Amino acid sequence: MFNWNDLVFFLELARQSRLAPAARRLKVDHTTVSRRIAELEKDLSIKLFDRKPDGFVLTEQGHRLFTIAERIEVEANGIPHAFGAEQTAATGRVRVATMEGIGAFYLGERFAELAEREPGIIVELVTERHLINLSKREADLFISFVQPVGQRLVVRKLGSFRLALFASAEYLARRGLPKSRDELPAHTFVDYVEDLVAIQPVHWLLDVLEPSSVSLRSSSMHAQQNAVAAGAGIGLLPLFSAKMNPRLVPVLAEEVKVYRDVYLSVHEDLEFMGRIRSVVRHLTNVFSRDKAFFNEF
């Protein structure tokens, strides 16, 4: 006979992909998780997971059950509120995927603020170079520089940020400060590895020029910024990161201005979960509060 309680074990394994982390979250032995999943598959006469080298992956039937189970979870969590019970603090894990630069230079600190205010929420900040598929539950929330497209996605614009050209004082002393945009082609740049750019708007230097002289290419924005600060050349960097490094000197700040929008997306099945709403609210507030930090020197 189908046991509703098995859905708790199913949801956690689907989110964690491995037995041991799921067991730790549920405070049980990993063999208990395995046994409850086996019982659920037997009761429903379907296969829910394929076991791969990197963990448990939902089958097509598993994805169908995941959608249903999460709706049940949302409804169950809303019962106390529906009957006027005092709302408890949001708890649980929220996986947020984003690009490396904004994750390392901005979001890490802002999620520390959330942790102090809502200690029951555990944010897992994952940085990727490619677009995240929320429909396949690769993350709960996705912060990106392009507007994602997909079925049943709720997408909102959080704000925008400015990028500007920077170099080190050492580089400018050696090569001279460009006086106009026309002088830029004579300089050396730090840029992305072209064939590793998974999201084209991230290759933002192309908004200014296609450099003929490049001293270093990296798939990491963090590495690019460090290279620019060390004198490797000129780089186009977000203000939210470059302003934090005193070794970086703005170049043609009034003439070269590049902007990117920031979007937050969530699958509609998760939108009204308490922990998701808390993180979305926090992100909306800090991006609004930090508008000047993103766009002004």
C-alpha atoms as a PDB file:
ATOM      1  CA  MET A   1       0.000   0.000   0.000  1.00  0.00           C
ATOM      2  CA  PHE A   2       1.263   3.490  -0.919  1.00  0.00           C
ATOM      3  CA  ASN A   3       2.779   5.340   2.072  1.00  0.00           C
ATOM      4  CA  TRP A   4       2.560   9.149   1.966  1.00  0.00           C
ATOM      5  CA  ASN A   5       5.588   9.420   4.233  1.00  0.00           C
ATOM      6  CA  ASP A   6       7.785   7.872   1.544  1.00  0.00           C
ATOM      7  CA  LEU A   7       7.390  11.086  -0.465  1.00  0.00           C
ATOM      8  CA  VAL A   8       9.568  12.913   2.068  1.00  0.00           C
ATOM      9  CA  PHE A   9      12.417  10.507   1.363  1.00  0.00           C
ATOM     10  CA  PHE A  10      11.793  10.701  -2.379  1.00  0.00           C
ATOM     11  CA  LEU A  11      11.891  14.518  -2.429  1.00  0.00           C
ATOM     12  CA  GLU A  12      15.105  14.696  -0.438  1.00  0.00           C
ATOM     13  CA  LEU A  13      16.939  12.139  -2.579  1.00  0.00           C
ATOM     14  CA  ALA A  14      15.760  13.908  -5.738  1.00  0.00           C
ATOM     15  CA  ARG A  15      17.146  17.197  -4.408  1.00  0.00           C
ATOM     16  CA  GLN A  16      20.418  15.821  -3.030  1.00  0.00           C
ATOM     17  CA  SER A  17      21.098  13.189  -5.743  1.00  0.00           C
ATOM     18  CA  ARG A  18      23.008  10.999  -3.267  1.00  0.00           C
ATOM     19  CA  LEU A  19      21.968   8.747  -0.390  1.00  0.00           C
ATOM     20  CA  ALA A  20      24.379  10.036   2.251  1.00  0.00           C
ATOM     21  CA  PRO A  21      23.492  13.760   1.987  1.00  0.00           C
ATOM     22  CA  ALA A  22      19.778  12.909   1.841  1.00  0.00           C
ATOM     23  CA  ALA A  23      20.124  10.724   4.925  1.00  0.00           C
ATOM     24  CA  ARG A  24      21.935  13.475   6.837  1.00  0.00           C
ATOM     25  CA  ARG A  25      19.191  15.949   5.972  1.00  0.00           C
ATOM     26  CA  LEU A  26      16.508  13.505   7.122  1.00  0.00           C
ATOM     27  CA  LYS A  27      18.529  12.421  10.190  1.00  0.00           C
ATOM     28  CA  VAL A  28      18.322   8.736   9.280  1.00  0.00           C
ATOM     29  CA  ASP A  29      20.701   6.059   8.053  1.00  0.00           C
ATOM     30  CA  HIS A  30      21.347   5.946   4.297  1.00  0.00           C
ATOM     31  CA  THR A  31      19.991   2.395   4.194  1.00  0.00           C
ATOM     32  CA  THR A  32      16.654   3.748   5.432  1.00  0.00           C
ATOM     33  CA  VAL A  33      16.496   6.167   2.509  1.00  0.00           C
ATOM     34  CA  SER A  34      17.323   3.365   0.068  1.00  0.00           C
ATOM     35  CA  ARG A  35      14.703   1.080   1.592  1.00  0.00           C
ATOM     36  CA  ARG A  36      11.946   3.720   1.560  1.00  0.00           C
ATOM     37  CA  ILE A  37      12.646   4.554  -2.095  1.00  0.00           C
ATOM     38  CA  ALA A  38      12.546   0.860  -2.990  1.00  0.00           C
ATOM     39  CA  GLU A  39       9.213   0.517  -1.195  1.00  0.00           C
ATOM     40  CA  LEU A  40       7.814   3.554  -2.985  1.00  0.00           C
ATOM     41  CA  GLU A  41       8.873   2.201  -6.379  1.00  0.00           C
ATOM     42  CA  LYS A  42       7.301  -1.166  -5.527  1.00  0.00           C
ATOM     43  CA  ASP A  43       4.039   0.392  -4.318  1.00  0.00           C
ATOM     44  CA  LEU A  44       3.714   2.554  -7.445  1.00  0.00           C
ATOM     45  CA  SER A  45       5.129  -0.082  -9.826  1.00  0.00           C
ATOM     46  CA  ILE A  46       7.447   2.457 -11.450  1.00  0.00           C
ATOM     47  CA  LYS A  47      11.176   3.199 -11.540  1.00  0.00           C
ATOM     48  CA  LEU A  48      11.893   6.609 -10.025  1.00  0.00           C
ATOM     49  CA  PHE A  49      15.681   6.906 -10.311  1.00  0.00           C
ATOM     50  CA  ASP A  50      18.520   5.851 -12.566  1.00  0.00           C
ATOM     51  CA  ARG A  51      21.746   5.365 -10.657  1.00  0.00           C
ATOM     52  CA  LYS A  52      24.591   7.178 -12.452  1.00  0.00           C
ATOM     53  CA  PRO A  53      28.271   7.684 -11.512  1.00  0.00           C
ATOM     54  CA  ASP A  54      27.421  11.172 -10.257  1.00  0.00           C
ATOM     55  CA  GLY A  55      24.397  10.097  -8.218  1.00  0.00           C
ATOM     56  CA  PHE A  56      20.690   9.368  -8.496  1.00  0.00           C
ATOM     57  CA  VAL A  57      18.955  10.890 -11.543  1.00  0.00           C
ATOM     58  CA  LEU A  58      15.189  11.103 -11.856  1.00  0.00           C
ATOM     59  CA  THR A  59      13.576   9.035 -14.590  1.00  0.00           C
ATOM     60  CA  GLU A  60      10.712  10.430 -16.653  1.00  0.00           C
ATOM     61  CA  GLN A  61       8.255   8.875 -14.183  1.00  0.00           C
ATOM     62  CA  GLY A  62      10.364  10.265 -11.358  1.00  0.00           C
ATOM     63  CA  HIS A  63      10.061  13.798 -12.744  1.00  0.00           C
ATOM     64  CA  ARG A  64       6.281  13.380 -12.910  1.00  0.00           C
ATOM     65  CA  LEU A  65       6.129  12.263  -9.291  1.00  0.00           C
ATOM     66  CA  PHE A  66       8.516  15.038  -8.225  1.00  0.00           C
ATOM     67  CA  THR A  67       6.136  17.681  -9.571  1.00  0.00           C
ATOM     68  CA  ILE A  68       3.189  16.088  -7.762  1.00  0.00           C
ATOM     69  CA  ALA A  69       5.130  15.559  -4.522  1.00  0.00           C
ATOM     70  CA  GLU A  70       6.295  19.165  -4.416  1.00  0.00           C
ATOM     71  CA  ARG A  71       2.712  20.391  -4.862  1.00  0.00           C
ATOM     72  CA  ILE A  72       1.719  18.181  -1.930  1.00  0.00           C
ATOM     73  CA  GLU A  73       4.608  19.609   0.097  1.00  0.00           C
ATOM     74  CA  VAL A  74       3.529  23.180  -0.655  1.00  0.00           C
ATOM     75  CA  GLU A  75      -0.082  22.457   0.328  1.00  0.00           C
ATOM     76  CA  ALA A  76       0.971  20.667   3.514  1.00  0.00           C
ATOM     77  CA  ASN A  77       3.253  23.520   4.558  1.00  0.00           C
ATOM     78  CA  GLY A  78       0.403  25.969   4.009  1.00  0.00           C
ATOM     79  CA  ILE A  79      -2.088  24.193   6.297  1.00  0.00           C
ATOM     80  CA  PRO A  80      -1.107  26.001   9.547  1.00  0.00           C
ATOM     81  CA  HIS A  81      -1.320  29.405   7.847  1.00  0.00           C
ATOM     82  CA  ALA A  82      -4.677  28.562   6.254  1.00  0.00           C
ATOM     83  CA  PHE A  83      -6.191  27.909   9.674  1.00  0.00           C
ATOM     84  CA  GLY A  84      -4.740  30.953  11.336  1.00  0.00           C
ATOM     85  CA  ALA A  85      -1.844  29.275  13.093  1.00  0.00           C
ATOM     86  CA  GLU A  86       1.141  31.426  13.913  1.00  0.00           C
ATOM     87  CA  GLN A  87       3.517  31.361  10.959  1.00  0.00           C
ATOM     88  CA  THR A  88       6.851  29.772  11.799  1.00  0.00           C
ATOM     89  CA  ALA A  89      10.206  30.850  10.434  1.00  0.00           C
ATOM     90  CA  ALA A  90      11.142  29.495   7.006  1.00  0.00           C
ATOM     91  CA  THR A  91      13.566  26.594   7.078  1.00  0.00           C
ATOM     92  CA  GLY A  92      15.304  24.323   4.595  1.00  0.00           C
ATOM     93  CA  ARG A  93      17.814  24.264   1.771  1.00  0.00           C
ATOM     94  CA  VAL A  94      17.634  26.623  -1.207  1.00  0.00           C
ATOM     95  CA  ARG A  95      20.054  26.033  -4.071  1.00  0.00           C
ATOM     96  CA  VAL A  96      20.869  29.241  -5.956  1.00  0.00           C
ATOM     97  CA  ALA A  97      22.782  28.975  -9.233  1.00  0.00           C
ATOM     98  CA  THR A  98      24.484  31.928 -10.876  1.00  0.00           C
ATOM     99  CA  MET A  99      27.604  33.120 -12.695  1.00  0.00           C
ATOM    100  CA  GLU A 100      30.963  32.925 -10.931  1.00  0.00           C
ATOM    101  CA  GLY A 101      31.693  36.653 -10.780  1.00  0.00           C
ATOM    102  CA  ILE A 102      28.510  37.885  -9.168  1.00  0.00           C
ATOM    103  CA  GLY A 103      28.432  34.846  -6.921  1.00  0.00           C
ATOM    104  CA  ALA A 104      31.939  35.401  -5.558  1.00  0.00           C
ATOM    105  CA  PHE A 105      32.059  39.191  -5.448  1.00  0.00           C
ATOM    106  CA  TYR A 106      28.497  40.044  -4.427  1.00  0.00           C
ATOM    107  CA  LEU A 107      26.083  37.278  -3.483  1.00  0.00           C
ATOM    108  CA  GLY A 108      28.312  35.541  -0.949  1.00  0.00           C
ATOM    109  CA  GLU A 109      28.251  38.561   1.351  1.00  0.00           C
ATOM    110  CA  ARG A 110      24.566  39.271   0.783  1.00  0.00           C
ATOM    111  CA  PHE A 111      23.589  35.726   1.695  1.00  0.00           C
ATOM    112  CA  ALA A 112      25.558  36.167   4.915  1.00  0.00           C
ATOM    113  CA  GLU A 113      23.025  38.877   5.769  1.00  0.00           C
ATOM    114  CA  LEU A 114      20.197  36.428   5.136  1.00  0.00           C
ATOM    115  CA  ALA A 115      21.845  33.760   7.306  1.00  0.00           C
ATOM    116  CA  GLU A 116      21.947  36.155  10.251  1.00  0.00           C
ATOM    117  CA  ARG A 117      18.281  37.104   9.864  1.00  0.00           C
ATOM    118  CA  GLU A 118      16.883  33.674   8.927  1.00  0.00           C
ATOM    119  CA  PRO A 119      19.226  31.012  10.317  1.00  0.00           C
ATOM    120  CA  GLY A 120      16.838  28.194   9.404  1.00  0.00           C
ATOM    121  CA  ILE A 121      17.499  28.690   5.688  1.00  0.00           C
ATOM    122  CA  ILE A 122      20.610  27.089   4.211  1.00  0.00           C
ATOM    123  CA  VAL A 123      21.617  28.654   0.894  1.00  0.00           C
ATOM    124  CA  GLU A 124      23.688  26.532  -1.476  1.00  0.00           C
ATOM    125  CA  LEU A 125      25.380  28.966  -3.867  1.00  0.00           C
ATOM    126  CA  VAL A 126      26.435  27.184  -7.058  1.00  0.00           C
ATOM    127  CA  THR A 127      28.388  28.931  -9.814  1.00  0.00           C
ATOM    128  CA  GLU A 128      28.134  27.732 -13.410  1.00  0.00           C
ATOM    129  CA  ARG A 129      29.152  29.010 -16.839  1.00  0.00           C
ATOM    130  CA  HIS A 130      26.044  27.633 -18.579  1.00  0.00           C
ATOM    131  CA  LEU A 131      22.328  28.273 -18.334  1.00  0.00           C
ATOM    132  CA  ILE A 132      20.639  26.261 -15.585  1.00  0.00           C
ATOM    133  CA  ASN A 133      17.567  24.140 -16.326  1.00  0.00           C
ATOM    134  CA  LEU A 134      15.154  24.753 -13.456  1.00  0.00           C
ATOM    135  CA  SER A 135      12.616  22.353 -14.960  1.00  0.00           C
ATOM    136  CA  LYS A 136      15.106  19.543 -14.353  1.00  0.00           C
ATOM    137  CA  ARG A 137      15.669  20.802 -10.801  1.00  0.00           C
ATOM    138  CA  GLU A 138      19.326  21.668 -11.363  1.00  0.00           C
ATOM    139  CA  ALA A 139      18.688  24.478  -8.871  1.00  0.00           C
ATOM    140  CA  ASP A 140      15.806  26.151  -7.051  1.00  0.00           C
ATOM    141  CA  LEU A 141      16.652  29.693  -8.170  1.00  0.00           C
ATOM    142  CA  PHE A 142      18.759  30.971 -11.052  1.00  0.00           C
ATOM    143  CA  ILE A 143      20.355  34.424 -11.240  1.00  0.00           C
ATOM    144  CA  SER A 144      21.507  35.164 -14.779  1.00  0.00           C
ATOM    145  CA  PHE A 145      22.518  37.931 -17.180  1.00  0.00           C
ATOM    146  CA  VAL A 146      20.073  36.756 -19.837  1.00  0.00           C
ATOM    147  CA  GLN A 147      16.346  36.197 -19.489  1.00  0.00           C
ATOM    148  CA  PRO A 148      15.749  32.429 -19.307  1.00  0.00           C
ATOM    149  CA  VAL A 149      13.062  30.891 -21.455  1.00  0.00           C
ATOM    150  CA  GLY A 150      11.213  27.766 -20.393  1.00  0.00           C
ATOM    151  CA  GLN A 151       7.860  26.323 -19.538  1.00  0.00           C
ATOM    152  CA  ARG A 152       6.379  27.266 -16.171  1.00  0.00           C
ATOM    153  CA  LEU A 153       9.223  29.595 -15.240  1.00  0.00           C
ATOM    154  CA  VAL A 154       8.563  32.755 -13.241  1.00  0.00           C
ATOM    155  CA  VAL A 155      11.180  35.327 -14.264  1.00  0.00           C
ATOM    156  CA  ARG A 156      11.702  38.788 -12.824  1.00  0.00           C
ATOM    157  CA  LYS A 157      14.314  41.459 -13.436  1.00  0.00           C
ATOM    158  CA  LEU A 158      16.300  42.153 -10.268  1.00  0.00           C
ATOM    159  CA  GLY A 159      18.200  45.126 -11.636  1.00  0.00           C
ATOM    160  CA  SER A 160      21.220  45.913 -13.774  1.00  0.00           C
ATOM    161  CA  PHE A 161      24.920  46.558 -13.338  1.00  0.00           C
ATOM    162  CA  ARG A 162      27.534  48.603 -15.143  1.00  0.00           C
ATOM    163  CA  LEU A 163      30.862  47.432 -16.528  1.00  0.00           C
ATOM    164  CA  ALA A 164      33.834  49.674 -17.222  1.00  0.00           C
ATOM    165  CA  LEU A 165      37.387  49.406 -18.463  1.00  0.00           C
ATOM    166  CA  PHE A 166      40.103  49.030 -15.816  1.00  0.00           C
ATOM    167  CA  ALA A 167      43.869  48.644 -15.755  1.00  0.00           C
ATOM    168  CA  SER A 168      46.593  48.746 -13.130  1.00  0.00           C
ATOM    169  CA  ALA A 169      48.713  51.800 -12.442  1.00  0.00           C
ATOM    170  CA  GLU A 170      51.773  49.778 -13.471  1.00  0.00           C
ATOM    171  CA  TYR A 171      50.277  48.923 -16.859  1.00  0.00           C
ATOM    172  CA  LEU A 172      49.242  52.541 -17.505  1.00  0.00           C
ATOM    173  CA  ALA A 173      52.706  53.813 -16.536  1.00  0.00           C
ATOM    174  CA  ARG A 174      54.232  51.352 -18.993  1.00  0.00           C
ATOM    175  CA  ARG A 175      51.810  51.736 -21.900  1.00  0.00           C
ATOM    176  CA  GLY A 176      50.142  55.088 -21.281  1.00  0.00           C
ATOM    177  CA  LEU A 177      46.539  56.008 -20.486  1.00  0.00           C
ATOM    178  CA  PRO A 178      44.220  55.863 -23.523  1.00  0.00           C
ATOM    179  CA  LYS A 179      42.807  59.316 -24.195  1.00  0.00           C
ATOM    180  CA  SER A 180      39.934  58.154 -26.405  1.00  0.00           C
ATOM    181  CA  ARG A 181      38.170  55.042 -27.610  1.00  0.00           C
ATOM    182  CA  ASP A 182      40.175  55.266 -30.852  1.00  0.00           C
ATOM    183  CA  GLU A 183      43.390  54.519 -28.948  1.00  0.00           C
ATOM    184  CA  LEU A 184      42.124  51.258 -27.440  1.00  0.00           C
ATOM    185  CA  PRO A 185      43.126  48.947 -30.351  1.00  0.00           C
ATOM    186  CA  ALA A 186      46.791  49.759 -29.656  1.00  0.00           C
ATOM    187  CA  HIS A 187      46.520  48.310 -26.133  1.00  0.00           C
ATOM    188  CA  THR A 188      46.691  44.811 -24.691  1.00  0.00           C
ATOM    189  CA  PHE A 189      43.631  43.230 -23.100  1.00  0.00           C
ATOM    190  CA  VAL A 190      42.545  40.463 -20.750  1.00  0.00           C
ATOM    191  CA  ASP A 191      39.523  38.564 -22.061  1.00  0.00           C
ATOM    192  CA  TYR A 192      37.409  35.403 -21.934  1.00  0.00           C
ATOM    193  CA  VAL A 193      38.323  32.131 -23.636  1.00  0.00           C
ATOM    194  CA  GLU A 194      36.141  32.473 -26.697  1.00  0.00           C
ATOM    195  CA  ASP A 195      35.171  28.837 -27.238  1.00  0.00           C
ATOM    196  CA  LEU A 196      34.298  28.417 -23.549  1.00  0.00           C
ATOM    197  CA  VAL A 197      31.783  31.263 -23.406  1.00  0.00           C
ATOM    198  CA  ALA A 198      28.533  29.394 -22.769  1.00  0.00           C
ATOM    199  CA  ILE A 199      26.406  32.547 -22.391  1.00  0.00           C
ATOM    200  CA  GLN A 200      27.288  35.085 -25.080  1.00  0.00           C
ATOM    201  CA  PRO A 201      26.303  38.275 -23.146  1.00  0.00           C
ATOM    202  CA  VAL A 202      29.016  37.365 -20.609  1.00  0.00           C
ATOM    203  CA  HIS A 203      31.638  38.001 -23.313  1.00  0.00           C
ATOM    204  CA  TRP A 204      31.049  41.669 -22.670  1.00  0.00           C
ATOM    205  CA  LEU A 205      34.354  43.052 -24.009  1.00  0.00           C
ATOM    206  CA  LEU A 206      32.923  42.571 -27.515  1.00  0.00           C
ATOM    207  CA  ASP A 207      30.512  45.423 -26.711  1.00  0.00           C
ATOM    208  CA  VAL A 208      33.566  47.715 -26.777  1.00  0.00           C
ATOM    209  CA  LEU A 209      35.947  46.121 -29.294  1.00  0.00           C
ATOM    210  CA  GLU A 210      37.363  42.860 -30.523  1.00  0.00           C
ATOM    211  CA  PRO A 211      40.940  43.141 -29.247  1.00  0.00           C
ATOM    212  CA  SER A 212      43.820  42.336 -31.569  1.00  0.00           C
ATOM    213  CA  SER A 213      46.274  41.962 -28.682  1.00  0.00           C
ATOM    214  CA  VAL A 214      45.359  39.731 -25.720  1.00  0.00           C
ATOM    215  CA  SER A 215      47.853  38.729 -23.027  1.00  0.00           C
ATOM    216  CA  LEU A 216      45.552  36.380 -21.118  1.00  0.00           C
ATOM    217  CA  ARG A 217      42.228  34.651 -21.627  1.00  0.00           C
ATOM    218  CA  SER A 218      40.348  32.960 -18.801  1.00  0.00           C
ATOM    219  CA  SER A 219      36.917  31.417 -18.278  1.00  0.00           C
ATOM    220  CA  SER A 220      37.004  32.922 -14.770  1.00  0.00           C
ATOM    221  CA  MET A 221      36.041  36.552 -14.257  1.00  0.00           C
ATOM    222  CA  HIS A 222      37.823  36.442 -10.911  1.00  0.00           C
ATOM    223  CA  ALA A 223      41.064  35.366 -12.619  1.00  0.00           C
ATOM    224  CA  GLN A 224      40.662  38.067 -15.258  1.00  0.00           C
ATOM    225  CA  GLN A 225      40.298  40.755 -12.611  1.00  0.00           C
ATOM    226  CA  ASN A 226      43.374  39.550 -10.740  1.00  0.00           C
ATOM    227  CA  ALA A 227      45.360  39.522 -13.983  1.00  0.00           C
ATOM    228  CA  VAL A 228      44.292  43.083 -14.814  1.00  0.00           C
ATOM    229  CA  ALA A 229      45.239  44.216 -11.298  1.00  0.00           C
ATOM    230  CA  ALA A 230      48.663  42.574 -11.754  1.00  0.00           C
ATOM    231  CA  GLY A 231      49.341  44.585 -14.935  1.00  0.00           C
ATOM    232  CA  ALA A 232      48.495  42.071 -17.669  1.00  0.00           C
ATOM    233  CA  GLY A 233      46.389  44.531 -19.639  1.00  0.00           C
ATOM    234  CA  ILE A 234      43.064  46.324 -19.782  1.00  0.00           C
ATOM    235  CA  GLY A 235      39.872  44.475 -18.861  1.00  0.00           C
ATOM    236  CA  LEU A 236      36.158  45.186 -18.944  1.00  0.00           C
ATOM    237  CA  LEU A 237      34.968  44.438 -15.419  1.00  0.00           C
ATOM    238  CA  PRO A 238      31.743  44.866 -13.422  1.00  0.00           C
ATOM    239  CA  LEU A 239      31.797  47.767 -11.004  1.00  0.00           C
ATOM    240  CA  PHE A 240      30.516  45.550  -8.198  1.00  0.00           C
ATOM    241  CA  SER A 241      33.820  43.652  -8.230  1.00  0.00           C
ATOM    242  CA  ALA A 242      36.377  46.112  -9.631  1.00  0.00           C
ATOM    243  CA  LYS A 243      35.569  48.871  -7.149  1.00  0.00           C
ATOM    244  CA  MET A 244      36.651  46.569  -4.328  1.00  0.00           C
ATOM    245  CA  ASN A 245      40.238  46.328  -5.631  1.00  0.00           C
ATOM    246  CA  PRO A 246      42.301  49.520  -5.043  1.00  0.00           C
ATOM    247  CA  ARG A 247      44.894  48.358  -7.588  1.00  0.00           C
ATOM    248  CA  LEU A 248      42.426  48.880 -10.433  1.00  0.00           C
ATOM    249  CA  VAL A 249      42.265  52.243 -12.194  1.00  0.00           C
ATOM    250  CA  PRO A 250      39.241  53.229 -14.370  1.00  0.00           C
ATOM    251  CA  VAL A 251      39.992  53.797 -18.043  1.00  0.00           C
ATOM    252  CA  LEU A 252      37.764  56.061 -20.212  1.00  0.00           C
ATOM    253  CA  ALA A 253      35.078  55.865 -17.521  1.00  0.00           C
ATOM    254  CA  GLU A 254      32.886  58.557 -19.101  1.00  0.00           C
ATOM    255  CA  GLU A 255      33.236  57.292 -22.659  1.00  0.00           C
ATOM    256  CA  VAL A 256      32.871  53.516 -22.265  1.00  0.00           C
ATOM    257  CA  LYS A 257      29.734  52.345 -20.467  1.00  0.00           C
ATOM    258  CA  VAL A 258      28.391  48.801 -20.749  1.00  0.00           C
ATOM    259  CA  TYR A 259      25.369  47.452 -18.881  1.00  0.00           C
ATOM    260  CA  ARG A 260      23.870  44.042 -18.211  1.00  0.00           C
ATOM    261  CA  ASP A 261      20.494  43.164 -16.720  1.00  0.00           C
ATOM    262  CA  VAL A 262      20.170  40.623 -13.904  1.00  0.00           C
ATOM    263  CA  TYR A 263      17.242  38.180 -13.902  1.00  0.00           C
ATOM    264  CA  LEU A 264      15.933  35.885 -11.194  1.00  0.00           C
ATOM    265  CA  SER A 265      13.982  32.814 -12.253  1.00  0.00           C
ATOM    266  CA  VAL A 266      12.156  30.118 -10.304  1.00  0.00           C
ATOM    267  CA  HIS A 267       9.933  27.225 -11.344  1.00  0.00           C
ATOM    268  CA  GLU A 268       6.287  27.947 -10.563  1.00  0.00           C
ATOM    269  CA  ASP A 269       6.030  24.714  -8.542  1.00  0.00           C
ATOM    270  CA  LEU A 270       8.476  26.197  -6.012  1.00  0.00           C
ATOM    271  CA  GLU A 271       7.463  29.856  -6.090  1.00  0.00           C
ATOM    272  CA  PHE A 272       5.233  29.821  -3.004  1.00  0.00           C
ATOM    273  CA  MET A 273       7.369  27.671  -0.705  1.00  0.00           C
ATOM    274  CA  GLY A 274       8.280  29.587   2.426  1.00  0.00           C
ATOM    275  CA  ARG A 275      12.041  29.188   2.112  1.00  0.00           C
ATOM    276  CA  ILE A 276      11.958  30.123  -1.585  1.00  0.00           C
ATOM    277  CA  ARG A 277       9.860  33.214  -0.926  1.00  0.00           C
ATOM    278  CA  SER A 278      12.249  34.303   1.828  1.00  0.00           C
ATOM    279  CA  VAL A 279      15.286  34.076  -0.465  1.00  0.00           C
ATOM    280  CA  VAL A 280      13.480  35.783  -3.363  1.00  0.00           C
ATOM    281  CA  ARG A 281      12.373  38.597  -1.060  1.00  0.00           C
ATOM    282  CA  HIS A 282      15.907  39.019   0.257  1.00  0.00           C
ATOM    283  CA  LEU A 283      17.409  39.148  -3.247  1.00  0.00           C
ATOM    284  CA  THR A 284      14.806  41.640  -4.434  1.00  0.00           C
ATOM    285  CA  ASN A 285      15.519  43.894  -1.464  1.00  0.00           C
ATOM    286  CA  VAL A 286      19.318  43.847  -1.669  1.00  0.00           C
ATOM    287  CA  PHE A 287      19.413  44.458  -5.420  1.00  0.00           C
ATOM    288  CA  SER A 288      17.089  47.435  -4.944  1.00  0.00           C
ATOM    289  CA  ARG A 289      19.141  48.726  -2.020  1.00  0.00           C
ATOM    290  CA  ASP A 290      22.469  48.321  -3.849  1.00  0.00           C
ATOM    291  CA  LYS A 291      21.450  49.964  -7.117  1.00  0.00           C
ATOM    292  CA  ALA A 292      24.076  52.690  -6.774  1.00  0.00           C
ATOM    293  CA  PHE A 293      26.745  50.137  -5.824  1.00  0.00           C
ATOM    294  CA  PHE A 294      26.118  48.337  -9.111  1.00  0.00           C
ATOM    295  CA  ASN A 295      26.131  51.389 -11.336  1.00  0.00           C
ATOM    296  CA  GLU A 296      28.186  54.233  -9.871  1.00  0.00           C
ATOM    297  CA  PHE A 297      31.874  54.778  -9.107  1.00  0.00           C
END
